[in-house]
C-alpha atoms as a PDB file:
ATOM      1  CA  MET A   1      38.195  35.834 -98.620  1.00  0.00           C
ATOM      2  CA  SER A   2      35.301  35.781 -96.133  1.00  0.00           C
ATOM      3  CA  ALA A   3      32.154  37.820 -96.679  1.00  0.00           C
ATOM      4  CA  PRO A   4      32.431  41.436 -95.399  1.00  0.00           C
ATOM      5  CA  TYR A   5      30.051  40.835 -92.503  1.00  0.00           C
ATOM      6  CA  LEU A   6      32.157  37.878 -91.328  1.00  0.00           C
ATOM      7  CA  GLN A   7      35.329  39.979 -91.523  1.00  0.00           C
ATOM      8  CA  ILE A   8      33.688  42.657 -89.389  1.00  0.00           C
ATOM      9  CA  ALA A   9      32.385  40.072 -86.916  1.00  0.00           C
ATOM     10  CA  GLU A  10      35.872  38.566 -86.612  1.00  0.00           C
ATOM     11  CA  ALA A  11      37.433  41.993 -86.009  1.00  0.00           C
ATOM     12  CA  LEU A  12      34.923  42.729 -83.255  1.00  0.00           C
ATOM     13  CA  ARG A  13      35.400  39.250 -81.789  1.00  0.00           C
ATOM     14  CA  GLU A  14      39.131  39.934 -81.514  1.00  0.00           C
ATOM     15  CA  ARG A  15      38.378  43.139 -79.610  1.00  0.00           C
ATOM     16  CA  ILE A  16      36.185  41.162 -77.228  1.00  0.00           C
ATOM     17  CA  VAL A  17      38.692  38.352 -76.738  1.00  0.00           C
ATOM     18  CA  SER A  18      41.582  40.781 -76.221  1.00  0.00           C
ATOM     19  CA  GLY A  19      39.634  42.684 -73.577  1.00  0.00           C
ATOM     20  CA  SER A  20      39.258  45.907 -75.547  1.00  0.00           C
ATOM     21  CA  LEU A  21      35.537  45.289 -75.234  1.00  0.00           C
ATOM     22  CA  ARG A  22      34.585  43.776 -71.884  1.00  0.00           C
ATOM     23  CA  PRO A  23      31.404  42.045 -70.672  1.00  0.00           C
ATOM     24  CA  GLY A  24      28.602  44.549 -70.280  1.00  0.00           C
ATOM     25  CA  GLN A  25      30.172  47.139 -72.570  1.00  0.00           C
ATOM     26  CA  ARG A  26      28.373  48.302 -75.702  1.00  0.00           C
ATOM     27  CA  VAL A  27      29.719  47.107 -79.001  1.00  0.00           C
ATOM     28  CA  PRO A  28      29.728  49.473 -81.988  1.00  0.00           C
ATOM     29  CA  SER A  29      26.225  50.158 -83.256  1.00  0.00           C
ATOM     30  CA  THR A  30      25.224  49.438 -86.833  1.00  0.00           C
ATOM     31  CA  ARG A  31      25.702  53.132 -87.667  1.00  0.00           C
ATOM     32  CA  LYS A  32      29.225  53.120 -86.238  1.00  0.00           C
ATOM     33  CA  ILE A  33      30.051  49.941 -88.138  1.00  0.00           C
ATOM     34  CA  VAL A  34      28.792  51.548 -91.351  1.00  0.00           C
ATOM     35  CA  ALA A  35      30.982  54.594 -90.703  1.00  0.00           C
ATOM     36  CA  GLU A  36      34.095  52.610 -89.668  1.00  0.00           C
ATOM     37  CA  TRP A  37      34.040  49.920 -92.361  1.00  0.00           C
ATOM     38  CA  GLY A  38      32.196  51.726 -95.139  1.00  0.00           C
ATOM     39  CA  VAL A  39      29.587  48.994 -95.596  1.00  0.00           C
ATOM     40  CA  ALA A  40      25.833  48.956 -96.024  1.00  0.00           C
ATOM     41  CA  MET A  41      23.497  48.942 -93.029  1.00  0.00           C
ATOM     42  CA  ALA A  42      22.406  45.387 -93.898  1.00  0.00           C
ATOM     43  CA  THR A  43      26.019  44.191 -93.715  1.00  0.00           C
ATOM     44  CA  ALA A  44      26.485  45.836 -90.317  1.00  0.00           C
ATOM     45  CA  THR A  45      23.290  44.202 -89.065  1.00  0.00           C
ATOM     46  CA  LYS A  46      24.480  40.769 -90.244  1.00  0.00           C
ATOM     47  CA  ALA A  47      27.828  41.270 -88.482  1.00  0.00           C
ATOM     48  CA  LEU A  48      26.116  41.891 -85.137  1.00  0.00           C
ATOM     49  CA  ALA A  49      23.773  38.955 -85.748  1.00  0.00           C
ATOM     50  CA  GLU A  50      26.810  36.726 -86.307  1.00  0.00           C
ATOM     51  CA  LEU A  51      28.272  37.809 -82.962  1.00  0.00           C
ATOM     52  CA  ARG A  52      24.944  37.083 -81.264  1.00  0.00           C
ATOM     53  CA  SER A  53      24.859  33.613 -82.837  1.00  0.00           C
ATOM     54  CA  GLN A  54      28.306  32.945 -81.331  1.00  0.00           C
ATOM     55  CA  GLY A  55      27.055  33.978 -77.903  1.00  0.00           C
ATOM     56  CA  LEU A  56      29.475  36.915 -77.738  1.00  0.00           C
ATOM     57  CA  VAL A  57      26.901  39.698 -77.894  1.00  0.00           C
ATOM     58  CA  GLU A  58      23.421  40.153 -76.478  1.00  0.00           C
ATOM     59  CA  VAL A  59      20.811  42.870 -76.842  1.00  0.00           C
ATOM     60  CA  LEU A  60      19.725  44.749 -73.717  1.00  0.00           C
ATOM     61  CA  PRO A  61      16.461  46.720 -73.971  1.00  0.00           C
ATOM     62  CA  GLY A  62      17.123  50.441 -73.851  1.00  0.00           C
ATOM     63  CA  VAL A  63      20.876  49.886 -74.118  1.00  0.00           C
ATOM     64  CA  GLY A  64      21.637  48.109 -77.378  1.00  0.00           C
ATOM     65  CA  SER A  65      24.137  45.383 -78.231  1.00  0.00           C
ATOM     66  CA  VAL A  66      26.598  44.635 -75.427  1.00  0.00           C
ATOM     67  CA  VAL A  67      29.284  42.029 -74.803  1.00  0.00           C
ATOM     68  CA  SER A  68      27.690  38.977 -73.174  1.00  0.00           C
ATOM     69  CA  GLY A  69      28.344  38.147 -69.540  1.00  0.00           C
ATOM     70  CA  PRO A  70      28.097  40.101 -66.298  1.00  0.00           C
ATOM     71  CA  ALA A  71      29.916  43.411 -66.195  1.00  0.00           C
ATOM     72  CA  GLU A  72      33.330  42.904 -64.611  1.00  0.00           C
ATOM     73  CA  ARG A  73      34.608  45.092 -61.787  1.00  0.00           C
ATOM     74  CA  GLY A  74      38.056  43.627 -61.413  1.00  0.00           C
ATOM     75  CA  ASP A  75      41.173  45.467 -62.531  1.00  0.00           C
ATOM     76  CA  ARG A  76      43.273  44.408 -65.472  1.00  0.00           C
ATOM     77  CA  THR A  77      46.966  43.840 -65.765  1.00  0.00           C
ATOM     78  CA  ALA A  78      49.123  45.951 -68.031  1.00  0.00           C
ATOM     79  CA  ASP A  79      48.787  43.463 -70.904  1.00  0.00           C
ATOM     80  CA  GLY A  80      44.991  43.450 -70.687  1.00  0.00           C
ATOM     81  CA  ALA A  81      44.601  39.980 -69.117  1.00  0.00           C
ATOM     82  CA  ASP A  82      42.280  39.431 -66.179  1.00  0.00           C
ATOM     83  CA  GLU A  83      44.067  39.242 -62.853  1.00  0.00           C
ATOM     84  CA  THR A  84      41.438  36.822 -61.595  1.00  0.00           C
ATOM     85  CA  HIS A  85      39.083  34.409 -63.321  1.00  0.00           C
ATOM     86  CA  PRO A  86      36.100  34.031 -60.993  1.00  0.00           C
ATOM     87  CA  SER A  87      34.478  31.512 -63.343  1.00  0.00           C
ATOM     88  CA  GLY A  88      37.041  28.890 -62.337  1.00  0.00           C
ATOM     89  CA  LEU A  89      37.075  27.539 -65.896  1.00  0.00           C
ATOM     90  CA  SER A  90      40.093  25.946 -67.523  1.00  0.00           C
ATOM     91  CA  ARG A  91      40.789  24.576 -70.986  1.00  0.00           C
ATOM     92  CA  ALA A  92      40.487  20.859 -70.176  1.00  0.00           C
ATOM     93  CA  PRO A  93      36.825  20.797 -69.026  1.00  0.00           C
ATOM     94  CA  ILE A  94      35.830  22.966 -71.989  1.00  0.00           C
ATOM     95  CA  VAL A  95      37.428  20.511 -74.412  1.00  0.00           C
ATOM     96  CA  ARG A  96      35.985  17.435 -72.688  1.00  0.00           C
ATOM     97  CA  CYS A  97      32.524  19.015 -72.648  1.00  0.00           C
ATOM     98  CA  ALA A  98      32.800  19.639 -76.390  1.00  0.00           C
ATOM     99  CA  MET A  99      33.810  16.003 -76.884  1.00  0.00           C
ATOM    100  CA  ARG A 100      30.813  14.750 -74.898  1.00  0.00           C
ATOM    101  CA  ILE A 101      28.468  16.829 -77.032  1.00  0.00           C
ATOM    102  CA  ALA A 102      30.098  15.605 -80.247  1.00  0.00           C
ATOM    103  CA  ASP A 103      29.987  11.978 -79.079  1.00  0.00           C
ATOM    104  CA  ALA A 104      26.270  12.200 -78.349  1.00  0.00           C
ATOM    105  CA  GLU A 105      25.013  14.521 -81.090  1.00  0.00           C
ATOM    106  CA  GLY A 106      27.741  14.930 -83.705  1.00  0.00           C
ATOM    107  CA  LEU A 107      30.275  17.633 -84.398  1.00  0.00           C
ATOM    108  CA  ASP A 108      27.729  20.081 -85.805  1.00  0.00           C
ATOM    109  CA  ALA A 109      26.090  20.317 -82.370  1.00  0.00           C
ATOM    110  CA  VAL A 110      29.268  21.736 -80.818  1.00  0.00           C
ATOM    111  CA  SER A 111      29.314  25.500 -80.338  1.00  0.00           C
ATOM    112  CA  MET A 112      30.793  27.852 -77.785  1.00  0.00           C
ATOM    113  CA  ARG A 113      27.284  28.865 -76.740  1.00  0.00           C
ATOM    114  CA  ARG A 114      26.259  25.222 -76.210  1.00  0.00           C
ATOM    115  CA  ILE A 115      29.404  24.445 -74.206  1.00  0.00           C
ATOM    116  CA  ALA A 116      28.870  27.536 -72.074  1.00  0.00           C
ATOM    117  CA  GLY A 117      25.339  26.387 -71.327  1.00  0.00           C
ATOM    118  CA  GLU A 118      26.531  22.906 -70.349  1.00  0.00           C
ATOM    119  CA  LEU A 119      29.174  24.391 -68.034  1.00  0.00           C
ATOM    120  CA  ASP A 120      26.834  27.079 -66.672  1.00  0.00           C
ATOM    121  CA  ALA A 121      29.244  29.790 -67.795  1.00  0.00           C
ATOM    122  CA  ALA A 122      29.063  32.946 -69.878  1.00  0.00           C
ATOM    123  CA  PRO A 123      30.033  32.261 -73.516  1.00  0.00           C
ATOM    124  CA  MET A 124      32.622  35.034 -73.380  1.00  0.00           C
ATOM    125  CA  SER A 125      34.464  33.324 -70.517  1.00  0.00           C
ATOM    126  CA  LEU A 126      35.310  30.369 -72.769  1.00  0.00           C
ATOM    127  CA  TYR A 127      37.302  32.533 -75.168  1.00  0.00           C
ATOM    128  CA  ARG A 128      39.881  33.236 -72.471  1.00  0.00           C
ATOM    129  CA  HIS A 129      40.902  29.585 -72.748  1.00  0.00           C
ATOM    130  CA  VAL A 130      39.968  28.633 -76.330  1.00  0.00           C
ATOM    131  CA  PRO A 131      40.280  31.340 -79.015  1.00  0.00           C
ATOM    132  CA  GLY A 132      37.588  29.908 -81.275  1.00  0.00           C
ATOM    133  CA  LYS A 133      35.972  26.894 -82.964  1.00  0.00           C
ATOM    134  CA  GLU A 134      39.000  26.057 -85.118  1.00  0.00           C
ATOM    135  CA  GLU A 135      41.312  25.864 -82.114  1.00  0.00           C
ATOM    136  CA  LEU A 136      38.669  23.906 -80.190  1.00  0.00           C
ATOM    137  CA  LEU A 137      38.552  21.210 -82.886  1.00  0.00           C
ATOM    138  CA  LEU A 138      42.341  20.850 -82.784  1.00  0.00           C
ATOM    139  CA  LEU A 139      42.246  20.527 -78.997  1.00  0.00           C
ATOM    140  CA  MET A 140      39.449  17.956 -79.203  1.00  0.00           C
ATOM    141  CA  ARG A 141      41.520  15.936 -81.646  1.00  0.00           C
ATOM    142  CA  GLU A 142      44.597  16.074 -79.430  1.00  0.00           C
ATOM    143  CA  ALA A 143      42.559  15.056 -76.380  1.00  0.00           C
ATOM    144  CA  ALA A 144      41.030  12.137 -78.302  1.00  0.00           C
ATOM    145  CA  PHE A 145      44.499  10.865 -79.185  1.00  0.00           C
ATOM    146  CA  GLY A 146      45.190  10.881 -75.462  1.00  0.00           C
ATOM    147  CA  ASP A 147      42.598   8.085 -75.262  1.00  0.00           C
ATOM    148  CA  VAL A 148      44.715   5.823 -77.519  1.00  0.00           C
ATOM    149  CA  ALA A 149      45.658   3.012 -75.113  1.00  0.00           C
ATOM    150  CA  LEU A 150      49.152   1.801 -75.984  1.00  0.00           C
ATOM    151  CA  PRO A 151      50.573  -0.843 -73.613  1.00  0.00           C
ATOM    152  CA  ALA A 152      53.635  -0.229 -71.463  1.00  0.00           C
ATOM    153  CA  ALA A 153      55.122  -3.553 -72.588  1.00  0.00           C
ATOM    154  CA  VAL A 154      56.210  -3.326 -76.223  1.00  0.00           C
ATOM    155  CA  PRO A 155      55.347  -6.415 -78.339  1.00  0.00           C
ATOM    156  CA  THR A 156      58.293  -8.450 -79.577  1.00  0.00           C
ATOM    157  CA  SER A 157      57.497  -8.314 -83.324  1.00  0.00           C
ATOM    158  CA  TRP A 158      57.056  -5.328 -85.625  1.00  0.00           C
ATOM    159  CA  ARG A 159      53.793  -6.733 -86.970  1.00  0.00           C
ATOM    160  CA  GLU A 160      52.263  -7.093 -83.534  1.00  0.00           C
ATOM    161  CA  GLU A 161      53.409  -3.572 -82.633  1.00  0.00           C
ATOM    162  CA  LEU A 162      51.585  -2.154 -85.652  1.00  0.00           C
ATOM    163  CA  GLU A 163      48.510  -4.321 -85.039  1.00  0.00           C
ATOM    164  CA  VAL A 164      48.345  -3.044 -81.458  1.00  0.00           C
ATOM    165  CA  SER A 165      48.619   0.627 -82.403  1.00  0.00           C
ATOM    166  CA  ALA A 166      46.123   0.336 -85.264  1.00  0.00           C
ATOM    167  CA  ALA A 167      43.594  -1.460 -83.051  1.00  0.00           C
ATOM    168  CA  ALA A 168      44.053   1.123 -80.292  1.00  0.00           C
ATOM    169  CA  LEU A 169      43.504   4.023 -82.687  1.00  0.00           C
ATOM    170  CA  TRP A 170      40.520   2.282 -84.303  1.00  0.00           C
ATOM    171  CA  SER A 171      38.930   1.940 -80.858  1.00  0.00           C
ATOM    172  CA  VAL A 172      39.264   5.693 -80.341  1.00  0.00           C
ATOM    173  CA  TYR A 173      37.698   6.461 -83.725  1.00  0.00           C
ATOM    174  CA  ARG A 174      34.851   4.151 -82.713  1.00  0.00           C
ATOM    175  CA  LEU A 175      34.521   6.010 -79.400  1.00  0.00           C
ATOM    176  CA  HIS A 176      34.609   9.414 -81.106  1.00  0.00           C
ATOM    177  CA  PRO A 177      33.061   9.032 -84.611  1.00  0.00           C
ATOM    178  CA  TRP A 178      33.548  12.767 -85.273  1.00  0.00           C
ATOM    179  CA  LEU A 179      37.347  12.446 -85.042  1.00  0.00           C
ATOM    180  CA  ALA A 180      37.859  11.905 -88.787  1.00  0.00           C
ATOM    181  CA  ARG A 181      36.324  15.324 -89.507  1.00  0.00           C
ATOM    182  CA  THR A 182      38.762  17.242 -87.327  1.00  0.00           C
ATOM    183  CA  SER A 183      41.801  16.971 -89.577  1.00  0.00           C
ATOM    184  CA  SER A 184      43.243  16.213 -92.966  1.00  0.00           C
ATOM    185  CA  LEU A 185      46.163  13.876 -93.582  1.00  0.00           C
ATOM    186  CA  THR A 186      48.016  16.756 -95.229  1.00  0.00           C
ATOM    187  CA  ARG A 187      47.380  19.129 -92.282  1.00  0.00           C
ATOM    188  CA  PRO A 188      48.811  17.379 -89.223  1.00  0.00           C
ATOM    189  CA  TYR A 189      48.586  18.991 -85.775  1.00  0.00           C
ATOM    190  CA  PRO A 190      51.775  18.380 -83.733  1.00  0.00           C
ATOM    191  CA  GLY A 191      50.387  17.590 -80.291  1.00  0.00           C
ATOM    192  CA  PRO A 192      52.098  15.416 -77.651  1.00  0.00           C
ATOM    193  CA  ASN A 193      49.391  12.744 -77.748  1.00  0.00           C
ATOM    194  CA  GLN A 194      49.498  12.445 -81.530  1.00  0.00           C
ATOM    195  CA  LEU A 195      53.291  12.315 -81.498  1.00  0.00           C
ATOM    196  CA  ARG A 196      53.112   9.539 -78.896  1.00  0.00           C
ATOM    197  CA  TYR A 197      51.094   7.450 -81.352  1.00  0.00           C
ATOM    198  CA  SER A 198      53.436   8.334 -84.235  1.00  0.00           C
ATOM    199  CA  GLU A 199      56.485   7.485 -82.141  1.00  0.00           C
ATOM    200  CA  TRP A 200      55.143   3.977 -81.519  1.00  0.00           C
ATOM    201  CA  ASN A 201      54.710   3.264 -85.233  1.00  0.00           C
ATOM    202  CA  LEU A 202      57.967   4.917 -86.280  1.00  0.00           C
ATOM    203  CA  ARG A 203      59.865   2.853 -83.727  1.00  0.00           C
ATOM    204  CA  ALA A 204      58.340  -0.377 -85.040  1.00  0.00           C
ATOM    205  CA  LEU A 205      59.132   0.505 -88.660  1.00  0.00           C
ATOM    206  CA  SER A 206      62.581   1.996 -88.094  1.00  0.00           C
ATOM    207  CA  GLY A 207      64.093  -1.361 -87.125  1.00  0.00           C
ATOM    208  CA  LEU A 208      63.239  -3.040 -90.428  1.00  0.00           C
ATOM    209  CA  GLY A 209      66.125  -1.761 -92.540  1.00  0.00           C
ATOM    210  CA  LEU A 210      63.970   0.661 -94.520  1.00  0.00           C
ATOM    211  CA  GLY A 211      64.874   4.226 -95.459  1.00  0.00           C
ATOM    212  CA  ASN A 212      63.441   7.072 -93.387  1.00  0.00           C
ATOM    213  CA  LYS A 213      61.161   8.252 -96.210  1.00  0.00           C
ATOM    214  CA  THR A 214      59.754   4.748 -96.630  1.00  0.00           C
ATOM    215  CA  VAL A 215      59.240   4.506 -92.870  1.00  0.00           C
ATOM    216  CA  LEU A 216      57.268   7.763 -92.921  1.00  0.00           C
ATOM    217  CA  LEU A 217      55.165   6.726 -95.918  1.00  0.00           C
ATOM    218  CA  LEU A 218      54.282   3.400 -94.317  1.00  0.00           C
ATOM    219  CA  HIS A 219      53.381   5.111 -91.041  1.00  0.00           C
ATOM    220  CA  LEU A 220      51.106   7.570 -92.854  1.00  0.00           C
ATOM    221  CA  THR A 221      49.552   4.729 -94.843  1.00  0.00           C
ATOM    222  CA  LEU A 222      48.707   2.875 -91.643  1.00  0.00           C
ATOM    223  CA  PHE A 223      47.338   6.011 -90.022  1.00  0.00           C
ATOM    224  CA  ASN A 224      45.210   6.888 -93.032  1.00  0.00           C
ATOM    225  CA  LEU A 225      43.859   3.350 -93.141  1.00  0.00           C
ATOM    226  CA  VAL A 226      42.352   3.938 -89.699  1.00  0.00           C
ATOM    227  CA  HIS A 227      41.403   7.519 -90.530  1.00  0.00           C
ATOM    228  CA  GLY A 228      39.632   6.502 -93.738  1.00  0.00           C
ATOM    229  CA  PHE A 229      37.579   3.798 -92.062  1.00  0.00           C
ATOM    230  CA  GLY A 230      36.925   6.320 -89.289  1.00  0.00           C
ATOM    231  CA  ALA A 231      35.300   8.609 -91.850  1.00  0.00           C
ATOM    232  CA  SER A 232      32.883   5.778 -92.647  1.00  0.00           C
ATOM    233  CA  LEU A 233      32.109   5.500 -88.933  1.00  0.00           C
ATOM    234  CA  GLU A 234      31.195   9.183 -88.806  1.00  0.00           C
ATOM    235  CA  THR A 235      29.037   8.904 -91.914  1.00  0.00           C
ATOM    236  CA  GLU A 236      27.252   5.825 -90.575  1.00  0.00           C
ATOM    237  CA  SER A 237      26.678   7.512 -87.213  1.00  0.00           C
ATOM    238  CA  THR A 238      25.108  10.522 -88.939  1.00  0.00           C
ATOM    239  CA  GLU A 239      22.969   8.405 -91.272  1.00  0.00           C
ATOM    240  CA  LEU A 240      21.715   6.276 -88.386  1.00  0.00           C
ATOM    241  CA  ALA A 241      20.826   9.363 -86.341  1.00  0.00           C
ATOM    242  CA  ASP A 242      19.017  10.990 -89.284  1.00  0.00           C
ATOM    243  CA  SER A 243      17.133   7.969 -90.621  1.00  0.00           C
ATOM    244  CA  GLY A 244      17.047   5.426 -87.801  1.00  0.00           C
ATOM    245  CA  ILE A 245      17.988   2.767 -90.361  1.00  0.00           C
ATOM    246  CA  GLY A 246      20.994   0.550 -89.611  1.00  0.00           C
ATOM    247  CA  PRO A 247      23.209  -1.199 -92.198  1.00  0.00           C
ATOM    248  CA  ASP A 248      21.214  -4.455 -92.028  1.00  0.00           C
ATOM    249  CA  ARG A 249      17.890  -2.743 -92.762  1.00  0.00           C
ATOM    250  CA  TRP A 250      19.535  -0.657 -95.491  1.00  0.00           C
ATOM    251  CA  MET A 251      20.854  -3.786 -97.222  1.00  0.00           C
ATOM    252  CA  ALA A 252      17.492  -5.534 -96.894  1.00  0.00           C
ATOM    253  CA  ARG A 253      15.665  -2.524 -98.337  1.00  0.00           C
ATOM    254  CA  HIS A 254      17.856  -2.484-101.462  1.00  0.00           C
ATOM    255  CA  ASP A 255      18.413  -6.241-101.812  1.00  0.00           C
ATOM    256  CA  GLU A 256      15.828  -6.828-104.550  1.00  0.00           C
ATOM    257  CA  ARG A 257      17.118  -3.978-106.704  1.00  0.00           C
ATOM    258  CA  ALA A 258      20.742  -5.089-106.281  1.00  0.00           C
ATOM    259  CA  THR A 259      19.898  -8.711-107.083  1.00  0.00           C
ATOM    260  CA  THR A 260      18.030  -7.742-110.258  1.00  0.00           C
ATOM    261  CA  LEU A 261      20.761  -5.416-111.466  1.00  0.00           C
ATOM    262  CA  ILE A 262      23.683  -7.728-110.716  1.00  0.00           C
ATOM    263  CA  GLY A 263      21.847 -10.746-112.120  1.00  0.00           C
ATOM    264  CA  SER A 264      21.025  -8.993-115.406  1.00  0.00           C
ATOM    265  CA  GLY A 265      24.065 -10.465-117.147  1.00  0.00           C
ATOM    266  CA  SER A 266      25.761  -7.107-117.678  1.00  0.00           C
ATOM    267  CA  TYR A 267      28.024  -7.483-114.669  1.00  0.00           C
ATOM    268  CA  PRO A 268      29.429 -11.034-114.723  1.00  0.00           C
ATOM    269  CA  TYR A 269      32.229 -10.489-112.234  1.00  0.00           C
ATOM    270  CA  SER A 270      29.934  -8.722-109.783  1.00  0.00           C
ATOM    271  CA  ALA A 271      27.525 -11.645-110.108  1.00  0.00           C
ATOM    272  CA  ARG A 272      30.336 -14.139-109.575  1.00  0.00           C
ATOM    273  CA  VAL A 273      31.360 -12.483-106.317  1.00  0.00           C
ATOM    274  CA  PHE A 274      28.059 -11.311-104.855  1.00  0.00           C
ATOM    275  CA  MET A 275      26.019 -14.366-105.789  1.00  0.00           C
ATOM    276  CA  ASP A 276      28.515 -16.677-104.082  1.00  0.00           C
ATOM    277  CA  PRO A 277      27.030 -17.920-100.758  1.00  0.00           C
ATOM    278  CA  ALA A 278      30.510 -17.773 -99.267  1.00  0.00           C
ATOM    279  CA  THR A 279      30.494 -14.009 -99.883  1.00  0.00           C
ATOM    280  CA  VAL A 280      26.869 -13.201 -99.082  1.00  0.00           C
ATOM    281  CA  PRO A 281      25.527 -16.028 -96.899  1.00  0.00           C
ATOM    282  CA  ASP A 282      21.922 -14.793 -96.585  1.00  0.00           C
ATOM    283  CA  GLN A 283      19.592 -11.831 -97.041  1.00  0.00           C
ATOM    284  CA  ASP A 284      20.369 -10.561 -93.539  1.00  0.00           C
ATOM    285  CA  TRP A 285      24.008 -10.000 -94.497  1.00  0.00           C
ATOM    286  CA  ALA A 286      25.416  -6.493 -94.016  1.00  0.00           C
ATOM    287  CA  LEU A 287      28.826  -4.932 -94.356  1.00  0.00           C
ATOM    288  CA  ASP A 288      30.705  -4.833 -91.057  1.00  0.00           C
ATOM    289  CA  LEU A 289      33.261  -2.049 -90.636  1.00  0.00           C
ATOM    290  CA  ASP A 290      35.233  -3.927 -87.982  1.00  0.00           C
ATOM    291  CA  GLU A 291      35.618  -6.924 -90.298  1.00  0.00           C
ATOM    292  CA  LEU A 292      36.540  -4.712 -93.251  1.00  0.00           C
ATOM    293  CA  PHE A 293      39.076  -2.795 -91.187  1.00  0.00           C
ATOM    294  CA  GLY A 294      40.689  -5.998 -89.928  1.00  0.00           C
ATOM    295  CA  ALA A 295      40.991  -7.368 -93.467  1.00  0.00           C
ATOM    296  CA  ALA A 296      42.448  -4.116 -94.796  1.00  0.00           C
ATOM    297  CA  LEU A 297      44.993  -3.905 -91.973  1.00  0.00           C
ATOM    298  CA  ALA A 298      46.093  -7.510 -92.524  1.00  0.00           C
ATOM    299  CA  THR A 299      46.519  -6.820 -96.247  1.00  0.00           C
ATOM    300  CA  VAL A 300      48.727  -3.772 -95.623  1.00  0.00           C
ATOM    301  CA  LEU A 301      50.854  -5.647 -93.092  1.00  0.00           C
ATOM    302  CA  ASP A 302      51.176  -8.573 -95.511  1.00  0.00           C
ATOM    303  CA  GLY A 303      52.429  -6.092 -98.079  1.00  0.00           C
ATOM    304  CA  ILE A 304      55.062  -4.760 -95.686  1.00  0.00           C
ATOM    305  CA  ALA A 305      56.157  -8.315 -94.897  1.00  0.00           C
ATOM    306  CA  ALA A 306      56.462  -9.131 -98.609  1.00  0.00           C
ATOM    307  CA  ARG A 307      58.530  -6.009 -99.138  1.00  0.00           C
ATOM    308  CA  LEU A 308      60.878  -6.976 -96.330  1.00  0.00           C
ATOM    309  CA  GLN A 309      61.501 -10.357 -97.966  1.00  0.00           C
ATOM    310  CA  GLY A 310      62.936  -8.541-100.955  1.00  0.00           C
ATOM    311  CA  LEU A 311      65.511  -6.590 -98.939  1.00  0.00           C
END
């Protein structure tokens, strides 16, 4: 369960989003929060601070804490929705703006306040289209899958079909390194763009004489292969931004230590592999995610082919 101040902040946020509290209106004071929720004054203060950090509430001198945004004069419909939306915002530009921020600065830089600033809009106006950060991440993920470029002409072999879809998805993870952080394999989000990708793989696998459960497991294995390497992309992107050190410089910095440790005699198989010039050609060698991904994909597809030979 969330901390009490977060529960209070969420309850007040719902009032704001639903229209019970409108831009320019005062939100409950700390004393009213204490009386309504039976919490300490410090907890009430933290709840209002949380709303301010989300860009939902601002403090006006002589007035107190009010809902952010200009006071609205328009009427409301019976269900509480605005009849007009003078901001002209819609969901798509909000999501794409969030993606641009994440592409440039990482997922942690994305906030409703930041997006509102980029779009020159009041933070509260965004919540009419996107309920909150969790929903925004799901929408960003779905939009990113819309960038998966699958050809209109279907390849003639199952292997080529799966190579094409994996390469297309890998390109999107490269374009959006934050994508791996927006979902878990065990928590899929059923969006049209993601189903379009799944449909491609399921079609390729369904014609191989395999059972439906096996088809699903192979599809998820292929997806998670891309997703797992995508997580390394996100980590590398963050490390590079924080340290300014790329993989080649990292390997060079730790080369002497690795050589001493591996050459100590305690790790004969590591020495056999890593001391082989065919494996590590020179000191400037560095791991390449594209090469590793290609090798892993080929290995999985070889495994599927071997399985088919046994049918």
